[in-house]
Amino acid sequence: MSKFFTSRYQALTPYTPGEQPRDMQYIKLNTNESPFAPSKKAIEAAARAAERLQLYPDPTYKALHETLAAYHGVTSDMVLATNGSDEILNFAFMAFCDAESPALFADITYGFYSVFASLNHVPYTEIPLKSDFSLSVDDYIGRKGTVFIANPNAPTGLALPLSEIERLLAADRERVVVIDEAYVDFGTESAVSLLERYDNLLVTRTFSKSRSMAGARLGYGIGSPALIADLNTIKYSTNPYNVNSMSAAAGLGVMADEAYTVFCCKEIMETRVYAMTGLKKLGFEMTDAKGNFLFVRHPKMGGEAIYLALKQRGILVRHFDRAPIADYNRITVGTRADMQTLIDTLADILKES
């Protein structure tokens, strides 16, 4: 670091994204991207928007907010589009956390939560998951602070039932509960239906996974008008034009092609089951993952060794070098052909070991 770097951030440990090597052609199963191309309607809408890039986008994103609101059955003042769901999460740490309301989240979850807390000088507590990686809302009830829960969780893939989320919301209506639904479209019930009863709920969503738009960096939050007004204060104090014109247009395009999104999600969920079945035949153990990924280990070979062996053979998966998940690898669900290649390659690796 340079001598000019402010002391406020010298101790900051940044988030580590999935690796993107360019030394060879890989089957990329490490960053939970969709194996499907974006909707053609999204691509066409983005191309039309590119013809007007000399102009700023509408900072209110009226058309996108109205479309998202109609999709979720809420009013447009309950929606805020952002530069990926990471931005709405960061806004939430800025708006709803401080020394009086520290952040609470699981010890094994999305790695950006601790980064956002540190970046915004927010005290936080990492609450351990159970030995089976499940999350108990009882561990959050009675504690002071703003709660952040990824549902389904990453990297474990486990999901909380809606009844448990409601129990958490009802236990303390004087604090905000943020439910991060990046993977909800792959088989988990959304908490959006609880918004009519709980004004302390913020749901965050992304276009990166189920809508095949990771490169567009488009996300959004859904909450009570008052919560969204708070987040807009942060937005207009940092970057009023936070979503670029092409991404906003692509978002409208894919929302007009819901049949394509449903098709992609169905294919991914079916391929997830296919991959789980094949890996279990090889002796792999895994969680009941509900995202577009698997979380697996093998009792006879360590997680890092499997990760390195796959990488050597041109397949990337995500390994986390920390206890108690060091024996696990997170594997994105790719195409059926990708997963068959993975299974065949793992069979060879296990035979060699």
Protein backbone atom coordinates (compact mmCIF):
# COMPACT_ATOMS: atom_id res chain seq x y z
CA MET A 1 0.00 0.00 0.00
CA SER A 2 1.12 3.56 -0.57
CA LYS A 3 2.07 6.04 2.13
CA PHE A 4 -1.04 8.03 1.16
CA PHE A 5 -3.58 5.32 2.00
CA THR A 6 -5.75 6.57 4.84
CA SER A 7 -5.35 4.81 8.18
CA ARG A 8 -9.13 4.31 8.25
CA TYR A 9 -8.80 1.53 5.70
CA GLN A 10 -5.31 0.13 6.16
CA ALA A 11 -6.64 -2.83 8.14
CA LEU A 12 -9.42 -3.56 5.63
CA THR A 13 -9.44 -7.09 4.22
CA PRO A 14 -11.16 -6.88 0.81
CA TYR A 15 -13.56 -9.44 -0.59
CA THR A 16 -11.90 -12.12 -2.71
CA PRO A 17 -13.89 -12.80 -5.90
CA GLY A 18 -13.75 -16.11 -7.71
CA GLU A 19 -10.61 -16.54 -9.79
CA GLN A 20 -10.72 -15.73 -13.49
CA PRO A 21 -7.58 -17.35 -14.97
CA ARG A 22 -6.80 -16.90 -18.66
CA ASP A 23 -3.96 -19.41 -19.06
CA MET A 24 -6.20 -22.07 -20.65
CA GLN A 25 -9.81 -22.84 -21.57
CA TYR A 26 -11.69 -23.82 -18.40
CA ILE A 27 -15.08 -25.22 -17.58
CA LYS A 28 -15.99 -22.44 -15.19
CA LEU A 29 -17.95 -23.70 -12.20
CA ASN A 30 -16.58 -21.35 -9.54
CA THR A 31 -18.55 -18.08 -9.61
CA ASN A 32 -22.21 -19.16 -9.75
CA GLU A 33 -22.82 -17.63 -13.16
CA SER A 34 -25.67 -18.92 -15.30
CA PRO A 35 -24.72 -21.40 -18.03
CA PHE A 36 -27.33 -19.74 -20.27
CA ALA A 37 -26.94 -16.62 -22.37
CA PRO A 38 -29.04 -13.58 -21.50
CA SER A 39 -32.52 -13.26 -22.94
CA LYS A 40 -32.49 -12.01 -26.52
CA LYS A 41 -34.92 -9.33 -25.42
CA ALA A 42 -32.39 -8.13 -22.86
CA ILE A 43 -29.61 -8.03 -25.45
CA GLU A 44 -31.77 -6.13 -27.93
CA ALA A 45 -32.89 -3.61 -25.30
CA ALA A 46 -29.29 -3.01 -24.20
CA ALA A 47 -28.22 -2.48 -27.82
CA ARG A 48 -30.93 0.15 -28.31
CA ALA A 49 -29.86 1.90 -25.11
CA ALA A 50 -26.26 1.96 -26.34
CA GLU A 51 -27.32 4.42 -29.05
CA ARG A 52 -28.06 7.01 -26.34
CA LEU A 53 -25.00 6.62 -24.14
CA GLN A 54 -24.16 10.31 -24.52
CA LEU A 55 -27.06 10.95 -22.12
CA TYR A 56 -27.32 10.20 -18.41
CA PRO A 57 -29.90 7.59 -17.46
CA ASP A 58 -33.08 8.64 -15.66
CA PRO A 59 -31.90 8.64 -12.02
CA THR A 60 -35.36 7.59 -10.83
CA TYR A 61 -35.31 4.49 -13.10
CA LYS A 62 -39.07 4.90 -13.25
CA ALA A 63 -39.79 2.26 -15.89
CA LEU A 64 -37.58 -0.36 -14.23
CA HIS A 65 -39.00 0.33 -10.76
CA GLU A 66 -42.56 0.12 -12.00
CA THR A 67 -41.86 -3.14 -13.82
CA LEU A 68 -40.19 -4.72 -10.79
CA ALA A 69 -42.96 -3.47 -8.52
CA ALA A 70 -45.63 -5.02 -10.74
CA TYR A 71 -43.72 -8.32 -10.83
CA HIS A 72 -43.57 -8.49 -7.03
CA GLY A 73 -47.03 -7.05 -6.37
CA VAL A 74 -45.80 -3.96 -4.54
CA THR A 75 -45.78 -0.22 -5.25
CA SER A 76 -42.89 1.41 -7.10
CA ASP A 77 -41.84 3.40 -4.04
CA MET A 78 -40.95 0.07 -2.44
CA VAL A 79 -38.22 -0.74 -5.01
CA LEU A 80 -34.70 0.58 -5.53
CA ALA A 81 -32.50 -0.55 -8.44
CA THR A 82 -28.77 -0.69 -7.79
CA ASN A 83 -25.42 -1.60 -9.29
CA GLY A 84 -25.73 -5.28 -8.46
CA SER A 85 -27.20 -6.51 -5.21
CA ASP A 86 -23.82 -5.75 -3.63
CA GLU A 87 -24.67 -2.06 -3.79
CA ILE A 88 -28.05 -2.40 -2.09
CA LEU A 89 -26.36 -4.47 0.62
CA ASN A 90 -23.69 -1.82 1.11
CA PHE A 91 -26.40 0.85 1.27
CA ALA A 92 -28.12 -1.19 4.00
CA PHE A 93 -24.94 -1.35 6.08
CA MET A 94 -24.59 2.42 5.67
CA ALA A 95 -28.22 3.23 6.43
CA PHE A 96 -29.19 0.79 9.17
CA CYS A 97 -26.00 -0.06 11.07
CA ASP A 98 -23.88 1.86 13.54
CA ALA A 99 -22.45 1.52 17.04
CA GLU A 100 -25.98 1.41 18.44
CA SER A 101 -27.17 -1.11 15.87
CA PRO A 102 -24.30 -3.47 15.01
CA ALA A 103 -24.52 -5.95 12.16
CA LEU A 104 -25.36 -9.60 12.84
CA PHE A 105 -24.73 -12.35 10.31
CA ALA A 106 -23.57 -15.96 10.11
CA ASP A 107 -19.93 -16.95 10.38
CA ILE A 108 -20.20 -18.97 7.16
CA THR A 109 -22.05 -16.88 4.60
CA TYR A 110 -21.50 -14.35 1.83
CA GLY A 111 -18.02 -12.94 2.38
CA PHE A 112 -18.95 -9.37 1.51
CA TYR A 113 -20.96 -8.86 4.72
CA SER A 114 -17.87 -8.56 6.89
CA VAL A 115 -16.20 -6.37 4.26
CA PHE A 116 -19.14 -3.96 4.13
CA ALA A 117 -19.19 -3.80 7.92
CA SER A 118 -15.49 -3.02 8.10
CA LEU A 119 -15.64 -0.56 5.21
CA ASN A 120 -18.39 1.39 6.96
CA HIS A 121 -16.81 1.09 10.43
CA VAL A 122 -19.77 -0.91 11.69
CA PRO A 123 -19.23 -3.29 14.61
CA TYR A 124 -20.45 -6.78 13.79
CA THR A 125 -20.91 -10.23 15.25
CA GLU A 126 -20.53 -13.43 13.26
CA ILE A 127 -22.95 -15.98 14.68
CA PRO A 128 -21.87 -19.60 14.21
CA LEU A 129 -24.01 -21.91 12.14
CA LYS A 130 -24.95 -25.29 13.58
CA SER A 131 -22.67 -28.28 12.99
CA ASP A 132 -24.80 -29.24 9.98
CA PHE A 133 -24.42 -25.68 8.60
CA SER A 134 -28.05 -24.82 9.31
CA LEU A 135 -28.97 -21.39 10.67
CA SER A 136 -31.13 -21.06 13.78
CA VAL A 137 -33.09 -17.80 14.05
CA ASP A 138 -33.12 -18.31 17.81
CA ASP A 139 -29.45 -17.31 17.79
CA TYR A 140 -30.53 -13.87 16.50
CA ILE A 141 -33.59 -13.33 18.65
CA GLY A 142 -32.83 -11.22 21.69
CA ARG A 143 -29.62 -9.80 20.22
CA LYS A 144 -29.30 -6.13 19.40
CA GLY A 145 -28.49 -5.22 15.82
CA THR A 146 -29.40 -5.32 12.14
CA VAL A 147 -29.62 -8.87 10.78
CA PHE A 148 -28.28 -9.99 7.39
CA ILE A 149 -29.26 -13.46 6.18
CA ALA A 150 -28.55 -14.95 2.76
CA ASN A 151 -31.45 -17.23 1.89
CA PRO A 152 -30.47 -19.65 0.45
CA ASN A 153 -27.13 -19.24 2.17
CA ALA A 154 -23.86 -19.22 0.29
CA PRO A 155 -21.72 -21.25 0.13
CA THR A 156 -23.75 -23.90 1.97
CA GLY A 157 -26.89 -23.61 -0.18
CA LEU A 158 -29.23 -24.24 2.76
CA ALA A 159 -32.47 -22.28 2.99
CA LEU A 160 -34.68 -21.11 5.82
CA PRO A 161 -38.44 -21.67 5.54
CA LEU A 162 -40.56 -18.54 5.34
CA SER A 163 -42.10 -19.28 8.74
CA GLU A 164 -38.69 -18.93 10.41
CA ILE A 165 -37.99 -15.62 8.70
CA GLU A 166 -41.35 -14.35 9.87
CA ARG A 167 -40.61 -15.50 13.41
CA LEU A 168 -37.39 -13.50 13.33
CA LEU A 169 -39.14 -10.40 11.98
CA ALA A 170 -41.91 -10.59 14.55
CA ALA A 171 -39.52 -11.07 17.48
CA ASP A 172 -38.15 -7.53 17.22
CA ARG A 173 -39.92 -5.05 14.97
CA GLU A 174 -37.58 -2.24 16.03
CA ARG A 175 -34.68 -3.45 13.93
CA VAL A 176 -34.15 -4.15 10.23
CA VAL A 177 -33.80 -7.69 8.91
CA VAL A 178 -32.15 -7.96 5.48
CA ILE A 179 -32.88 -11.13 3.51
CA ASP A 180 -30.42 -11.55 0.65
CA GLU A 181 -32.24 -13.56 -2.04
CA ALA A 182 -29.53 -13.85 -4.67
CA TYR A 183 -30.39 -17.54 -5.19
CA VAL A 184 -34.07 -17.62 -4.30
CA ASP A 185 -35.29 -18.46 -7.81
CA PHE A 186 -33.76 -21.94 -7.68
CA GLY A 187 -36.25 -23.47 -5.27
CA THR A 188 -36.78 -21.26 -2.22
CA GLU A 189 -39.82 -19.23 -1.19
CA SER A 190 -39.28 -15.46 -1.30
CA ALA A 191 -39.79 -13.26 1.74
CA VAL A 192 -41.36 -10.52 -0.41
CA SER A 193 -44.81 -11.80 0.62
CA LEU A 194 -44.04 -10.73 4.20
CA LEU A 195 -43.56 -7.07 3.30
CA GLU A 196 -47.22 -6.19 3.73
CA ARG A 197 -46.97 -7.16 7.41
CA TYR A 198 -43.42 -6.17 8.34
CA ASP A 199 -41.99 -2.71 7.73
CA ASN A 200 -38.64 -3.82 9.18
CA LEU A 201 -37.90 -6.18 6.26
CA LEU A 202 -35.59 -5.45 3.34
CA VAL A 203 -35.29 -8.06 0.59
CA THR A 204 -32.38 -7.85 -1.85
CA ARG A 205 -32.37 -9.46 -5.29
CA THR A 206 -30.03 -9.73 -8.26
CA PHE A 207 -30.24 -10.23 -12.02
CA SER A 208 -26.87 -12.03 -11.99
CA LYS A 209 -27.98 -15.60 -11.34
CA SER A 210 -31.45 -16.62 -12.51
CA ARG A 211 -31.64 -13.88 -15.16
CA SER A 212 -28.20 -14.55 -16.71
CA MET A 213 -26.95 -10.99 -16.32
CA ALA A 214 -23.92 -11.18 -14.02
CA GLY A 215 -21.97 -8.92 -16.38
CA ALA A 216 -24.64 -6.23 -16.32
CA ARG A 217 -24.28 -5.63 -12.55
CA LEU A 218 -27.95 -5.08 -11.82
CA GLY A 219 -29.72 -5.68 -8.53
CA TYR A 220 -32.46 -4.16 -6.42
CA GLY A 221 -34.01 -3.96 -3.00
CA ILE A 222 -37.64 -4.26 -1.94
CA GLY A 223 -38.89 -2.83 1.34
CA SER A 224 -41.34 -0.45 2.93
CA PRO A 225 -41.51 3.03 1.35
CA ALA A 226 -39.77 4.43 4.43
CA LEU A 227 -36.85 1.98 4.18
CA ILE A 228 -36.46 2.64 0.46
CA ALA A 229 -36.52 6.40 1.13
CA ASP A 230 -33.64 5.91 3.56
CA LEU A 231 -31.68 3.98 0.95
CA ASN A 232 -32.42 6.61 -1.67
CA THR A 233 -30.85 9.19 0.64
CA ILE A 234 -27.67 7.12 0.55
CA LYS A 235 -27.91 6.61 -3.20
CA TYR A 236 -28.40 10.30 -4.03
CA SER A 237 -25.53 11.15 -1.67
CA THR A 238 -23.12 8.82 -3.45
CA ASN A 239 -24.09 8.14 -7.08
CA PRO A 240 -27.51 9.25 -8.38
CA TYR A 241 -26.90 7.51 -11.74
CA ASN A 242 -25.90 4.24 -10.12
CA VAL A 243 -27.26 1.91 -12.85
CA ASN A 244 -25.98 2.41 -16.38
CA SER A 245 -28.45 2.85 -19.22
CA MET A 246 -27.66 -0.45 -20.94
CA SER A 247 -28.06 -2.50 -17.76
CA ALA A 248 -31.34 -0.81 -16.88
CA ALA A 249 -32.63 -1.46 -20.40
CA ALA A 250 -31.46 -5.07 -20.32
CA GLY A 251 -33.29 -5.46 -17.03
CA LEU A 252 -36.52 -4.32 -18.65
CA GLY A 253 -35.87 -6.66 -21.55
CA VAL A 254 -35.43 -9.76 -19.44
CA MET A 255 -38.43 -8.88 -17.27
CA ALA A 256 -40.46 -8.93 -20.49
CA ASP A 257 -39.24 -12.47 -21.14
CA GLU A 258 -40.25 -14.27 -17.95
CA ALA A 259 -40.82 -17.55 -19.79
CA TYR A 260 -37.10 -17.64 -20.61
CA THR A 261 -36.14 -17.06 -16.97
CA VAL A 262 -38.50 -19.82 -15.82
CA PHE A 263 -37.04 -22.18 -18.43
CA CYS A 264 -33.44 -21.46 -17.36
CA CYS A 265 -34.21 -21.93 -13.67
CA LYS A 266 -36.01 -25.21 -14.35
CA GLU A 267 -33.09 -26.52 -16.39
CA ILE A 268 -30.59 -25.53 -13.69
CA MET A 269 -32.64 -27.17 -10.92
CA GLU A 270 -32.99 -30.39 -12.94
CA THR A 271 -29.26 -30.39 -13.70
CA ARG A 272 -28.55 -29.79 -10.01
CA VAL A 273 -30.39 -33.01 -9.15
CA TYR A 274 -28.57 -34.83 -11.95
CA ALA A 275 -25.20 -33.68 -10.65
CA MET A 276 -26.04 -34.49 -7.03
CA THR A 277 -27.02 -38.02 -8.05
CA GLY A 278 -23.82 -38.55 -10.00
CA LEU A 279 -21.60 -37.18 -7.25
CA LYS A 280 -23.27 -39.26 -4.56
CA LYS A 281 -22.49 -42.39 -6.59
CA LEU A 282 -18.83 -41.38 -6.34
CA GLY A 283 -19.11 -41.16 -2.56
CA PHE A 284 -19.44 -37.40 -2.24
CA GLU A 285 -21.35 -35.93 0.69
CA MET A 286 -23.25 -32.67 0.27
CA THR A 287 -25.75 -30.26 1.70
CA ASP A 288 -29.31 -29.98 0.43
CA ALA A 289 -28.34 -26.97 -1.66
CA LYS A 290 -31.13 -24.79 -3.05
CA GLY A 291 -29.04 -22.40 -5.12
CA ASN A 292 -27.49 -22.78 -8.56
CA PHE A 293 -24.55 -24.55 -6.94
CA LEU A 294 -23.57 -27.59 -4.87
CA PHE A 295 -21.54 -27.71 -1.67
CA VAL A 296 -19.70 -31.03 -1.53
CA ARG A 297 -16.91 -32.97 0.11
CA HIS A 298 -15.42 -36.44 -0.21
CA PRO A 299 -14.49 -38.48 2.88
CA LYS A 300 -11.34 -39.86 1.23
CA MET A 301 -9.87 -36.71 -0.34
CA GLY A 302 -9.45 -33.17 0.98
CA GLY A 303 -11.24 -30.21 -0.53
CA GLU A 304 -8.09 -28.36 -1.58
CA ALA A 305 -6.65 -31.46 -3.24
CA ILE A 306 -9.86 -31.94 -5.23
CA TYR A 307 -9.92 -28.26 -6.21
CA LEU A 308 -6.31 -28.36 -7.42
CA ALA A 309 -6.75 -31.63 -9.28
CA LEU A 310 -9.81 -30.28 -11.09
CA LYS A 311 -8.06 -27.02 -11.96
CA GLN A 312 -5.13 -28.95 -13.42
CA ARG A 313 -7.64 -30.73 -15.67
CA GLY A 314 -9.38 -27.52 -16.77
CA ILE A 315 -12.32 -27.34 -14.36
CA LEU A 316 -12.66 -24.46 -11.90
CA VAL A 317 -14.60 -24.82 -8.65
CA ARG A 318 -14.54 -22.60 -5.54
CA HIS A 319 -12.51 -23.67 -2.52
CA PHE A 320 -12.62 -21.85 0.82
CA ASP A 321 -9.47 -22.39 2.86
CA ARG A 322 -10.98 -21.96 6.31
CA ALA A 323 -12.36 -24.18 9.04
CA PRO A 324 -14.85 -25.81 9.17
CA ILE A 325 -15.46 -25.81 5.41
CA ALA A 326 -11.94 -26.49 4.11
CA ASP A 327 -12.91 -30.02 3.05
CA TYR A 328 -15.76 -28.67 0.92
CA ASN A 329 -15.91 -27.19 -2.56
CA ARG A 330 -18.69 -25.07 -3.98
CA ILE A 331 -19.55 -26.14 -7.50
CA THR A 332 -21.71 -24.03 -9.81
CA VAL A 333 -24.36 -25.93 -11.73
CA GLY A 334 -23.38 -25.60 -15.38
CA THR A 335 -24.81 -27.28 -18.44
CA ARG A 336 -25.67 -30.98 -18.36
CA ALA A 337 -22.53 -31.61 -20.44
CA ASP A 338 -20.40 -29.57 -18.02
CA MET A 339 -21.65 -31.58 -15.06
CA GLN A 340 -21.10 -34.90 -16.79
CA THR A 341 -17.52 -33.84 -17.57
CA LEU A 342 -17.10 -32.87 -13.91
CA ILE A 343 -18.42 -36.24 -12.71
CA ASP A 344 -16.23 -38.19 -15.14
CA THR A 345 -13.17 -36.14 -14.20
CA LEU A 346 -13.77 -36.59 -10.49
CA ALA A 347 -14.14 -40.34 -11.01
CA ASP A 348 -10.68 -40.38 -12.62
CA ILE A 349 -9.20 -38.22 -9.85
CA LEU A 350 -10.56 -40.46 -7.13
CA LYS A 351 -9.23 -43.58 -8.87
CA GLU A 352 -5.77 -42.02 -9.13
CA SER A 353 -5.78 -40.95 -5.49
